[in-house]
C-alpha cells in the first residue's frame, strides 16, 4: 500500500517534468520556425520585387505602403 502510493507520486512527478520539457521544446521549435519563416519571406520579397509573399502561416507585406496590390 505504501509502496503503491510512493510509486504513484514518482509517476506523477516524472509525468509533470516530461510535460514541462515537451512544452519548452515546442516553444523553442515554434520560435525557430517563425524566425526562418520571416527570413524566407524577406529573401523572397527581395528577389521578386516587393510583392506579397506567403510562406508558412504568415503574411508579410514589404515594399508597399497601402494602395493596391
C-alpha atoms as a PDB file:
ATOM      1  CA  UNK A   1       0.000   0.000   0.000  1.00  0.00           C
ATOM      2  CA  UNK A   2       2.738   2.460   0.962  1.00  0.00           C
ATOM      3  CA  UNK A   3       4.906   1.407  -1.982  1.00  0.00           C
ATOM      4  CA  UNK A   4       1.978   1.879  -4.344  1.00  0.00           C
ATOM      5  CA  UNK A   5       1.463   5.436  -3.075  1.00  0.00           C
ATOM      6  CA  UNK A   6       5.165   6.221  -3.439  1.00  0.00           C
ATOM      7  CA  UNK A   7       5.165   4.771  -6.964  1.00  0.00           C
ATOM      8  CA  UNK A   8       2.147   6.861  -7.897  1.00  0.00           C
ATOM      9  CA  UNK A   9       3.798  10.015  -6.571  1.00  0.00           C
ATOM     10  CA  UNK A  10       7.000   9.319  -8.500  1.00  0.00           C
ATOM     11  CA  UNK A  11       4.975   8.645 -11.621  1.00  0.00           C
ATOM     12  CA  UNK A  12       3.125  11.955 -11.238  1.00  0.00           C
ATOM     13  CA  UNK A  13       6.374  13.879 -10.743  1.00  0.00           C
ATOM     14  CA  UNK A  14       8.018  12.282 -13.787  1.00  0.00           C
ATOM     15  CA  UNK A  15       4.926  12.989 -15.902  1.00  0.00           C
ATOM     16  CA  UNK A  16       4.891  16.642 -14.815  1.00  0.00           C
ATOM     17  CA  UNK A  17       8.581  17.063 -15.641  1.00  0.00           C
ATOM     18  CA  UNK A  18       8.080  15.411 -19.045  1.00  0.00           C
ATOM     19  CA  UNK A  19       5.163  17.741 -19.789  1.00  0.00           C
ATOM     20  CA  UNK A  20       7.229  20.796 -18.917  1.00  0.00           C
ATOM     21  CA  UNK A  21      10.105  19.611 -21.125  1.00  0.00           C
ATOM     22  CA  UNK A  22       7.708  18.981 -24.021  1.00  0.00           C
ATOM     23  CA  UNK A  23       6.238  22.478 -23.665  1.00  0.00           C
ATOM     24  CA  UNK A  24       9.707  24.058 -23.628  1.00  0.00           C
ATOM     25  CA  UNK A  25      10.785  22.125 -26.736  1.00  0.00           C
ATOM     26  CA  UNK A  26       7.566  23.067 -28.515  1.00  0.00           C
ATOM     27  CA  UNK A  27       8.083  26.764 -27.775  1.00  0.00           C
ATOM     28  CA  UNK A  28      11.710  26.649 -28.955  1.00  0.00           C
ATOM     29  CA  UNK A  29      10.743  24.895 -32.196  1.00  0.00           C
ATOM     30  CA  UNK A  30       7.934  27.404 -32.805  1.00  0.00           C
ATOM     31  CA  UNK A  31      10.344  30.320 -32.338  1.00  0.00           C
ATOM     32  CA  UNK A  32      12.920  28.786 -34.703  1.00  0.00           C
ATOM     33  CA  UNK A  33      10.298  28.074 -37.376  1.00  0.00           C
ATOM     34  CA  UNK A  34       8.954  31.632 -37.090  1.00  0.00           C
ATOM     35  CA  UNK A  35      12.443  33.111 -37.465  1.00  0.00           C
ATOM     36  CA  UNK A  36      13.126  31.034 -40.584  1.00  0.00           C
ATOM     37  CA  UNK A  37       9.681  31.943 -41.945  1.00  0.00           C
ATOM     38  CA  UNK A  38      10.449  35.660 -41.601  1.00  0.00           C
ATOM     39  CA  UNK A  39      13.907  35.237 -43.163  1.00  0.00           C
ATOM     40  CA  UNK A  40      12.494  33.343 -46.158  1.00  0.00           C
ATOM     41  CA  UNK A  41       9.768  35.956 -46.610  1.00  0.00           C
ATOM     42  CA  UNK A  42      12.375  38.720 -46.643  1.00  0.00           C
ATOM     43  CA  UNK A  43      14.521  36.792 -49.147  1.00  0.00           C
ATOM     44  CA  UNK A  44      11.525  36.131 -51.401  1.00  0.00           C
ATOM     45  CA  UNK A  45      10.455  39.761 -51.345  1.00  0.00           C
ATOM     46  CA  UNK A  46      13.978  40.965 -52.119  1.00  0.00           C
ATOM     47  CA  UNK A  47      14.319  38.523 -55.017  1.00  0.00           C
ATOM     48  CA  UNK A  48      10.868  39.016 -56.520  1.00  0.00           C
ATOM     49  CA  UNK A  49      10.342  42.752 -56.142  1.00  0.00           C
ATOM     50  CA  UNK A  50       8.405  43.705 -53.026  1.00  0.00           C
ATOM     51  CA  UNK A  51       5.191  41.822 -53.702  1.00  0.00           C
ATOM     52  CA  UNK A  52       3.055  39.952 -51.265  1.00  0.00           C
ATOM     53  CA  UNK A  53       4.644  36.625 -50.497  1.00  0.00           C
ATOM     54  CA  UNK A  54       3.162  33.890 -48.402  1.00  0.00           C
ATOM     55  CA  UNK A  55       5.220  31.142 -46.816  1.00  0.00           C
ATOM     56  CA  UNK A  56       4.132  29.029 -43.905  1.00  0.00           C
ATOM     57  CA  UNK A  57       1.230  30.523 -41.983  1.00  0.00           C
ATOM     58  CA  UNK A  58       2.155  34.204 -42.006  1.00  0.00           C
ATOM     59  CA  UNK A  59       1.651  37.016 -44.490  1.00  0.00           C
ATOM     60  CA  UNK A  60       4.078  39.892 -44.739  1.00  0.00           C
ATOM     61  CA  UNK A  61       3.908  42.928 -46.995  1.00  0.00           C
ATOM     62  CA  UNK A  62       7.274  44.525 -47.663  1.00  0.00           C
ATOM     63  CA  UNK A  63       7.907  47.327 -50.105  1.00  0.00           C
ATOM     64  CA  UNK A  64       4.389  48.722 -50.468  1.00  0.00           C
ATOM     65  CA  UNK A  65       2.594  51.043 -48.096  1.00  0.00           C
ATOM     66  CA  UNK A  66      -1.148  50.924 -48.678  1.00  0.00           C
ATOM     67  CA  UNK A  67      -2.809  51.214 -52.054  1.00  0.00           C
ATOM     68  CA  UNK A  68      -3.374  48.315 -54.350  1.00  0.00           C
ATOM     69  CA  UNK A  69      -1.611  45.014 -54.563  1.00  0.00           C
END
